[in-house]
PDB file of N, CA and C in Angstrom:
ATOM      1  N   MET A   1       6.817  77.691  24.508  1.00  0.00           N
ATOM      2  CA  MET A   1       5.955  76.926  23.620  1.00  0.00           C
ATOM      3  C   MET A   1       6.080  75.448  23.980  1.00  0.00           C
ATOM      4  N   MET A   2       4.989  74.758  24.011  1.00  0.00           N
ATOM      5  CA  MET A   2       4.971  73.354  24.387  1.00  0.00           C
ATOM      6  C   MET A   2       5.334  72.481  23.179  1.00  0.00           C
ATOM      7  N   PRO A   3       6.054  71.397  23.389  1.00  0.00           N
ATOM      8  CA  PRO A   3       6.392  70.502  22.292  1.00  0.00           C
ATOM      9  C   PRO A   3       5.128  69.894  21.690  1.00  0.00           C
ATOM     10  N   GLY A   4       5.119  69.773  20.365  1.00  0.00           N
ATOM     11  CA  GLY A   4       3.982  69.177  19.686  1.00  0.00           C
ATOM     12  C   GLY A   4       2.865  70.159  19.374  1.00  0.00           C
ATOM     13  N   LYS A   5       2.982  71.400  19.798  1.00  0.00           N
ATOM     14  CA  LYS A   5       1.951  72.408  19.521  1.00  0.00           C
ATOM     15  C   LYS A   5       2.447  73.331  18.415  1.00  0.00           C
ATOM     16  N   LEU A   6       1.543  73.735  17.548  1.00  0.00           N
ATOM     17  CA  LEU A   6       1.891  74.685  16.503  1.00  0.00           C
ATOM     18  C   LEU A   6       1.653  76.095  17.000  1.00  0.00           C
ATOM     19  N   ARG A   7       2.531  76.976  16.568  1.00  0.00           N
ATOM     20  CA  ARG A   7       2.307  78.386  16.899  1.00  0.00           C
ATOM     21  C   ARG A   7       1.190  78.903  16.014  1.00  0.00           C
ATOM     22  N   THR A   8       0.317  79.637  16.574  1.00  0.00           N
ATOM     23  CA  THR A   8      -0.770  80.212  15.789  1.00  0.00           C
ATOM     24  C   THR A   8      -0.617  81.722  15.780  1.00  0.00           C
ATOM     25  N   ASP A   9      -1.672  82.404  15.471  1.00  0.00           N
ATOM     26  CA  ASP A   9      -1.642  83.853  15.288  1.00  0.00           C
ATOM     27  C   ASP A   9      -0.966  84.569  16.458  1.00  0.00           C
ATOM     28  N   THR A  10      -0.005  85.357  16.104  1.00  0.00           N
ATOM     29  CA  THR A  10       0.609  86.256  17.089  1.00  0.00           C
ATOM     30  C   THR A  10       0.693  87.621  16.453  1.00  0.00           C
ATOM     31  N   ALA A  11       1.035  88.584  17.203  1.00  0.00           N
ATOM     32  CA  ALA A  11       1.109  89.951  16.697  1.00  0.00           C
ATOM     33  C   ALA A  11       2.185  90.083  15.618  1.00  0.00           C
ATOM     34  N   SER A  12       3.317  89.360  15.753  1.00  0.00           N
ATOM     35  CA  SER A  12       4.389  89.501  14.769  1.00  0.00           C
ATOM     36  C   SER A  12       4.123  88.701  13.488  1.00  0.00           C
ATOM     37  N   ASP A  13       3.355  87.621  13.577  1.00  0.00           N
ATOM     38  CA  ASP A  13       3.093  86.791  12.399  1.00  0.00           C
ATOM     39  C   ASP A  13       1.916  87.282  11.570  1.00  0.00           C
ATOM     40  N   GLY A  14       1.084  88.061  12.118  1.00  0.00           N
ATOM     41  CA  GLY A  14      -0.111  88.492  11.406  1.00  0.00           C
ATOM     42  C   GLY A  14      -1.166  87.405  11.446  1.00  0.00           C
ATOM     43  N   PRO A  15      -2.154  87.462  10.585  1.00  0.00           N
ATOM     44  CA  PRO A  15      -3.246  86.501  10.622  1.00  0.00           C
ATOM     45  C   PRO A  15      -2.918  85.170   9.942  1.00  0.00           C
ATOM     46  N   TYR A  16      -1.694  85.025   9.433  1.00  0.00           N
ATOM     47  CA  TYR A  16      -1.357  83.810   8.683  1.00  0.00           C
ATOM     48  C   TYR A  16      -0.424  82.924   9.480  1.00  0.00           C
ATOM     49  N   ARG A  17      -0.449  81.668   9.157  1.00  0.00           N
ATOM     50  CA  ARG A  17       0.394  80.697   9.840  1.00  0.00           C
ATOM     51  C   ARG A  17       1.094  79.851   8.778  1.00  0.00           C
ATOM     52  N   SER A  18       2.344  79.562   8.983  1.00  0.00           N
ATOM     53  CA  SER A  18       3.111  78.727   8.055  1.00  0.00           C
ATOM     54  C   SER A  18       3.558  77.476   8.779  1.00  0.00           C
ATOM     55  N   VAL A  19       3.398  76.370   8.121  1.00  0.00           N
ATOM     56  CA  VAL A  19       3.860  75.105   8.668  1.00  0.00           C
ATOM     57  C   VAL A  19       4.799  74.506   7.622  1.00  0.00           C
ATOM     58  N   PHE A  20       6.029  74.249   8.014  1.00  0.00           N
ATOM     59  CA  PHE A  20       7.017  73.689   7.093  1.00  0.00           C
ATOM     60  C   PHE A  20       7.355  72.280   7.523  1.00  0.00           C
ATOM     61  N   SER A  21       7.606  71.452   6.547  1.00  0.00           N
ATOM     62  CA  SER A  21       8.080  70.100   6.856  1.00  0.00           C
ATOM     63  C   SER A  21       9.304  69.837   5.986  1.00  0.00           C
ATOM     64  N   ASN A  22      10.193  69.021   6.470  1.00  0.00           N
ATOM     65  CA  ASN A  22      11.403  68.691   5.733  1.00  0.00           C
ATOM     66  C   ASN A  22      11.293  67.301   5.148  1.00  0.00           C
ATOM     67  N   THR A  23      11.808  67.163   3.947  1.00  0.00           N
ATOM     68  CA  THR A  23      11.879  65.865   3.295  1.00  0.00           C
ATOM     69  C   THR A  23      13.344  65.565   3.066  1.00  0.00           C
ATOM     70  N   HIS A  24      13.769  64.402   3.452  1.00  0.00           N
ATOM     71  CA  HIS A  24      15.161  64.012   3.286  1.00  0.00           C
ATOM     72  C   HIS A  24      15.261  62.987   2.169  1.00  0.00           C
ATOM     73  N   VAL A  25      16.128  63.290   1.210  1.00  0.00           N
ATOM     74  CA  VAL A  25      16.358  62.386   0.089  1.00  0.00           C
ATOM     75  C   VAL A  25      17.855  62.096   0.050  1.00  0.00           C
ATOM     76  N   PRO A  26      18.251  60.837  -0.031  1.00  0.00           N
ATOM     77  CA  PRO A  26      19.680  60.525  -0.075  1.00  0.00           C
ATOM     78  C   PRO A  26      20.335  61.068  -1.346  1.00  0.00           C
ATOM     79  N   TYR A  27      21.597  61.485  -1.222  1.00  0.00           N
ATOM     80  CA  TYR A  27      22.296  62.044  -2.369  1.00  0.00           C
ATOM     81  C   TYR A  27      22.439  61.025  -3.496  1.00  0.00           C
ATOM     82  N   TRP A  28      22.649  59.765  -3.155  1.00  0.00           N
ATOM     83  CA  TRP A  28      22.837  58.760  -4.195  1.00  0.00           C
ATOM     84  C   TRP A  28      21.580  58.607  -5.039  1.00  0.00           C
ATOM     85  N   PHE A  29      20.405  58.760  -4.432  1.00  0.00           N
ATOM     86  CA  PHE A  29      19.154  58.638  -5.178  1.00  0.00           C
ATOM     87  C   PHE A  29      19.008  59.788  -6.182  1.00  0.00           C
ATOM     88  N   VAL A  30      19.320  60.985  -5.732  1.00  0.00           N
ATOM     89  CA  VAL A  30      19.264  62.155  -6.627  1.00  0.00           C
ATOM     90  C   VAL A  30      20.266  61.971  -7.764  1.00  0.00           C
ATOM     91  N   LEU A  31      21.452  61.498  -7.452  1.00  0.00           N
ATOM     92  CA  LEU A  31      22.482  61.285  -8.461  1.00  0.00           C
ATOM     93  C   LEU A  31      22.037  60.260  -9.501  1.00  0.00           C
ATOM     94  N   VAL A  32      21.459  59.172  -9.047  1.00  0.00           N
ATOM     95  CA  VAL A  32      20.988  58.141  -9.974  1.00  0.00           C
ATOM     96  C   VAL A  32      19.871  58.681 -10.856  1.00  0.00           C
ATOM     97  N   MET A  33      18.929  59.389 -10.280  1.00  0.00           N
ATOM     98  CA  MET A  33      17.798  59.909 -11.050  1.00  0.00           C
ATOM     99  C   MET A  33      18.244  60.955 -12.085  1.00  0.00           C
ATOM    100  N   LEU A  34      19.199  61.793 -11.729  1.00  0.00           N
ATOM    101  CA  LEU A  34      19.654  62.822 -12.657  1.00  0.00           C
ATOM    102  C   LEU A  34      20.607  62.274 -13.715  1.00  0.00           C
ATOM    103  N   SER A  35      21.280  61.167 -13.432  1.00  0.00           N
ATOM    104  CA  SER A  35      22.224  60.623 -14.404  1.00  0.00           C
ATOM    105  C   SER A  35      21.586  59.589 -15.332  1.00  0.00           C
ATOM    106  N   ALA A  36      20.378  59.160 -15.072  1.00  0.00           N
ATOM    107  CA  ALA A  36      19.713  58.152 -15.902  1.00  0.00           C
ATOM    108  C   ALA A  36      19.602  58.585 -17.369  1.00  0.00           C
ATOM    109  N   PRO A  37      19.177  59.819 -17.680  1.00  0.00           N
ATOM    110  CA  PRO A  37      19.118  60.221 -19.092  1.00  0.00           C
ATOM    111  C   PRO A  37      20.488  60.208 -19.765  1.00  0.00           C
ATOM    112  N   LEU A  38      21.537  60.561 -19.027  1.00  0.00           N
ATOM    113  CA  LEU A  38      22.887  60.531 -19.593  1.00  0.00           C
ATOM    114  C   LEU A  38      23.285  59.107 -19.952  1.00  0.00           C
ATOM    115  N   TRP A  39      23.034  58.143 -19.065  1.00  0.00           N
ATOM    116  CA  TRP A  39      23.383  56.751 -19.354  1.00  0.00           C
ATOM    117  C   TRP A  39      22.585  56.215 -20.531  1.00  0.00           C
ATOM    118  N   LEU A  40      21.333  56.603 -20.639  1.00  0.00           N
ATOM    119  CA  LEU A  40      20.513  56.175 -21.769  1.00  0.00           C
ATOM    120  C   LEU A  40      21.081  56.729 -23.077  1.00  0.00           C
ATOM    121  N   TRP A  41      21.443  58.006 -23.079  1.00  0.00           N
ATOM    122  CA  TRP A  41      22.013  58.627 -24.275  1.00  0.00           C
ATOM    123  C   TRP A  41      23.334  57.963 -24.649  1.00  0.00           C
ATOM    124  N   LEU A  42      24.206  57.712 -23.661  1.00  0.00           N
ATOM    125  CA  LEU A  42      25.498  57.085 -23.935  1.00  0.00           C
ATOM    126  C   LEU A  42      25.328  55.680 -24.509  1.00  0.00           C
ATOM    127  N   THR A  43      24.375  54.930 -23.993  1.00  0.00           N
ATOM    128  CA  THR A  43      24.118  53.578 -24.490  1.00  0.00           C
ATOM    129  C   THR A  43      23.654  53.610 -25.936  1.00  0.00           C
ATOM    130  N   ARG A  44      22.744  54.527 -26.242  1.00  0.00           N
ATOM    131  CA  ARG A  44      22.248  54.635 -27.626  1.00  0.00           C
ATOM    132  C   ARG A  44      23.331  55.148 -28.564  1.00  0.00           C
ATOM    133  N   ALA A  45      24.153  56.086 -28.113  1.00  0.00           N
ATOM    134  CA  ALA A  45      25.235  56.608 -28.938  1.00  0.00           C
ATOM    135  C   ALA A  45      26.241  55.503 -29.259  1.00  0.00           C
ATOM    136  N   ARG A  46      26.544  54.663 -28.285  1.00  0.00           N
ATOM    137  CA  ARG A  46      27.470  53.545 -28.518  1.00  0.00           C
ATOM    138  C   ARG A  46      26.886  52.570 -29.531  1.00  0.00           C
ATOM    139  N   ALA A  47      25.602  52.263 -29.420  1.00  0.00           N
ATOM    140  CA  ALA A  47      24.957  51.349 -30.363  1.00  0.00           C
ATOM    141  C   ALA A  47      24.983  51.929 -31.782  1.00  0.00           C
ATOM    142  N   ARG A  48      24.725  53.253 -31.905  1.00  0.00           N
ATOM    143  CA  ARG A  48      24.783  53.896 -33.226  1.00  0.00           C
ATOM    144  C   ARG A  48      26.186  53.826 -33.809  1.00  0.00           C
ATOM    145  N   ARG A  49      27.192  54.055 -32.954  1.00  0.00           N
ATOM    146  CA  ARG A  49      28.575  54.030 -33.412  1.00  0.00           C
ATOM    147  C   ARG A  49      28.963  52.628 -33.899  1.00  0.00           C
ATOM    148  N   ILE A  50      28.551  51.606 -33.179  1.00  0.00           N
ATOM    149  CA  ILE A  50      28.847  50.226 -33.584  1.00  0.00           C
ATOM    150  C   ILE A  50      28.138  49.882 -34.884  1.00  0.00           C
ATOM    151  N   ARG A  51      26.870  50.270 -35.001  1.00  0.00           N
ATOM    152  CA  ARG A  51      26.097  49.986 -36.212  1.00  0.00           C
ATOM    153  C   ARG A  51      26.722  50.685 -37.427  1.00  0.00           C
ATOM    154  N   THR A  52      27.144  51.949 -37.263  1.00  0.00           N
ATOM    155  CA  THR A  52      27.776  52.700 -38.349  1.00  0.00           C
ATOM    156  C   THR A  52      29.090  52.045 -38.766  1.00  0.00           C
ATOM    157  N   ARG A  53      29.868  51.591 -37.794  1.00  0.00           N
ATOM    158  CA  ARG A  53      31.144  50.924 -38.091  1.00  0.00           C
ATOM    159  C   ARG A  53      30.918  49.635 -38.868  1.00  0.00           C
ATOM    160  N   LEU A  54      29.910  48.853 -38.481  1.00  0.00           N
ATOM    161  CA  LEU A  54      29.618  47.607 -39.189  1.00  0.00           C
ATOM    162  C   LEU A  54      29.242  47.877 -40.638  1.00  0.00           C
ATOM    163  N   VAL A  55      28.406  48.883 -40.869  1.00  0.00           N
ATOM    164  CA  VAL A  55      27.979  49.217 -42.233  1.00  0.00           C
ATOM    165  C   VAL A  55      29.179  49.681 -43.049  1.00  0.00           C
ATOM    166  N   ARG A  56      30.045  50.485 -42.452  1.00  0.00           N
ATOM    167  CA  ARG A  56      31.227  50.988 -43.149  1.00  0.00           C
ATOM    168  C   ARG A  56      32.165  49.846 -43.542  1.00  0.00           C
ATOM    169  N   LEU A  57      32.259  48.823 -42.715  1.00  0.00           N
ATOM    170  CA  LEU A  57      33.111  47.675 -43.004  1.00  0.00           C
ATOM    171  C   LEU A  57      32.455  46.658 -43.936  1.00  0.00           C
ATOM    172  N   GLY A  58      31.208  46.900 -44.338  1.00  0.00           N
ATOM    173  CA  GLY A  58      30.512  45.993 -45.238  1.00  0.00           C
ATOM    174  C   GLY A  58      29.881  44.808 -44.535  1.00  0.00           C
ATOM    175  N   LEU A  59      29.545  44.989 -43.264  1.00  0.00           N
ATOM    176  CA  LEU A  59      28.915  43.921 -42.491  1.00  0.00           C
ATOM    177  C   LEU A  59      27.456  44.278 -42.212  1.00  0.00           C
ATOM    178  N   CYS A  60      26.649  43.265 -41.978  1.00  0.00           N
ATOM    179  CA  CYS A  60      25.233  43.477 -41.647  1.00  0.00           C
ATOM    180  C   CYS A  60      25.142  44.143 -40.272  1.00  0.00           C
ATOM    181  N   PRO A  61      24.405  45.257 -40.151  1.00  0.00           N
ATOM    182  CA  PRO A  61      24.301  45.925 -38.850  1.00  0.00           C
ATOM    183  C   PRO A  61      23.518  45.131 -37.807  1.00  0.00           C
ATOM    184  N   ALA A  62      22.723  44.166 -38.231  1.00  0.00           N
ATOM    185  CA  ALA A  62      21.934  43.380 -37.283  1.00  0.00           C
ATOM    186  C   ALA A  62      22.705  42.175 -36.744  1.00  0.00           C
ATOM    187  N   CYS A  63      23.424  41.455 -37.634  1.00  0.00           N
ATOM    188  CA  CYS A  63      24.059  40.211 -37.192  1.00  0.00           C
ATOM    189  C   CYS A  63      25.560  40.176 -37.399  1.00  0.00           C
ATOM    190  N   GLY A  64      26.114  41.096 -38.211  1.00  0.00           N
ATOM    191  CA  GLY A  64      27.551  41.126 -38.443  1.00  0.00           C
ATOM    192  C   GLY A  64      28.016  40.242 -39.587  1.00  0.00           C
ATOM    193  N   TYR A  65      27.092  39.687 -40.364  1.00  0.00           N
ATOM    194  CA  TYR A  65      27.443  38.829 -41.500  1.00  0.00           C
ATOM    195  C   TYR A  65      28.153  39.653 -42.562  1.00  0.00           C
ATOM    196  N   ASP A  66      29.149  39.046 -43.225  1.00  0.00           N
ATOM    197  CA  ASP A  66      29.927  39.724 -44.258  1.00  0.00           C
ATOM    198  C   ASP A  66      29.059  39.914 -45.502  1.00  0.00           C
ATOM    199  N   LEU A  67      28.784  41.190 -45.863  1.00  0.00           N
ATOM    200  CA  LEU A  67      27.887  41.507 -46.985  1.00  0.00           C
ATOM    201  C   LEU A  67      28.651  41.933 -48.232  1.00  0.00           C
ATOM    202  N   ARG A  68      29.949  41.720 -48.302  1.00  0.00           N
ATOM    203  CA  ARG A  68      30.705  42.195 -49.469  1.00  0.00           C
ATOM    204  C   ARG A  68      30.299  41.470 -50.742  1.00  0.00           C
ATOM    205  N   ALA A  69      29.904  40.217 -50.651  1.00  0.00           N
ATOM    206  CA  ALA A  69      29.503  39.468 -51.842  1.00  0.00           C
ATOM    207  C   ALA A  69      28.075  39.818 -52.251  1.00  0.00           C
ATOM    208  N   THR A  70      27.189  40.011 -51.293  1.00  0.00           N
ATOM    209  CA  THR A  70      25.788  40.349 -51.583  1.00  0.00           C
ATOM    210  C   THR A  70      25.394  41.556 -50.742  1.00  0.00           C
ATOM    211  N   PRO A  71      25.748  42.782 -51.181  1.00  0.00           N
ATOM    212  CA  PRO A  71      25.496  43.960 -50.347  1.00  0.00           C
ATOM    213  C   PRO A  71      24.021  44.315 -50.169  1.00  0.00           C
ATOM    214  N   GLU A  72      23.139  43.770 -51.006  1.00  0.00           N
ATOM    215  CA  GLU A  72      21.721  44.138 -50.906  1.00  0.00           C
ATOM    216  C   GLU A  72      20.976  43.380 -49.814  1.00  0.00           C
ATOM    217  N   ARG A  73      21.454  42.159 -49.513  1.00  0.00           N
ATOM    218  CA  ARG A  73      20.685  41.353 -48.567  1.00  0.00           C
ATOM    219  C   ARG A  73      21.597  40.520 -47.680  1.00  0.00           C
ATOM    220  N   CYS A  74      21.083  40.166 -46.525  1.00  0.00           N
ATOM    221  CA  CYS A  74      21.792  39.331 -45.564  1.00  0.00           C
ATOM    222  C   CYS A  74      21.089  37.974 -45.527  1.00  0.00           C
ATOM    223  N   PRO A  75      21.778  36.898 -45.880  1.00  0.00           N
ATOM    224  CA  PRO A  75      21.115  35.585 -45.880  1.00  0.00           C
ATOM    225  C   PRO A  75      20.690  35.134 -44.484  1.00  0.00           C
ATOM    226  N   GLU A  76      21.354  35.593 -43.460  1.00  0.00           N
ATOM    227  CA  GLU A  76      20.987  35.203 -42.104  1.00  0.00           C
ATOM    228  C   GLU A  76      19.705  35.879 -41.643  1.00  0.00           C
ATOM    229  N   MET A  77      19.392  37.025 -42.172  1.00  0.00           N
ATOM    230  CA  MET A  77      18.173  37.731 -41.765  1.00  0.00           C
ATOM    231  C   MET A  77      16.934  36.942 -42.169  1.00  0.00           C
ATOM    232  N   PHE A  78      16.981  36.259 -43.318  1.00  0.00           N
ATOM    233  CA  PHE A  78      15.813  35.501 -43.765  1.00  0.00           C
ATOM    234  C   PHE A  78      15.650  34.220 -42.953  1.00  0.00           C
ATOM    235  N   SER A  79      16.741  33.662 -42.446  1.00  0.00           N
ATOM    236  CA  SER A  79      16.608  32.443 -41.659  1.00  0.00           C
ATOM    237  C   SER A  79      16.057  32.760 -40.261  1.00  0.00           C
ATOM    238  N   VAL A  80      16.233  33.996 -39.777  1.00  0.00           N
ATOM    239  CA  VAL A  80      15.716  34.393 -38.483  1.00  0.00           C
ATOM    240  C   VAL A  80      14.210  34.598 -38.534  1.00  0.00           C
ATOM    241  N   LEU A  81      13.736  35.144 -39.654  1.00  0.00           N
ATOM    242  CA  LEU A  81      12.308  35.413 -39.802  1.00  0.00           C
ATOM    243  C   LEU A  81      11.610  34.127 -40.027  1.00  0.00           C
TER     244      LEU A  81
END
């Protein structure tokens, strides 16, 4: 068979022809793409854990202001708006 030529119909292949091509993808790229959802979940879980801890300690979950004296509102939130 000559280089650069495709094999066509032969007695053993039947009337069909298959052409395959290879695609090479680096392992690091596959690893990054498959681990992205895990990193996103871990980041959000950490943020939830920090927010829950702040609320439990009586602090504002947005800014960390001490809310023990006024648990209904954060005075810093109104100055930001």
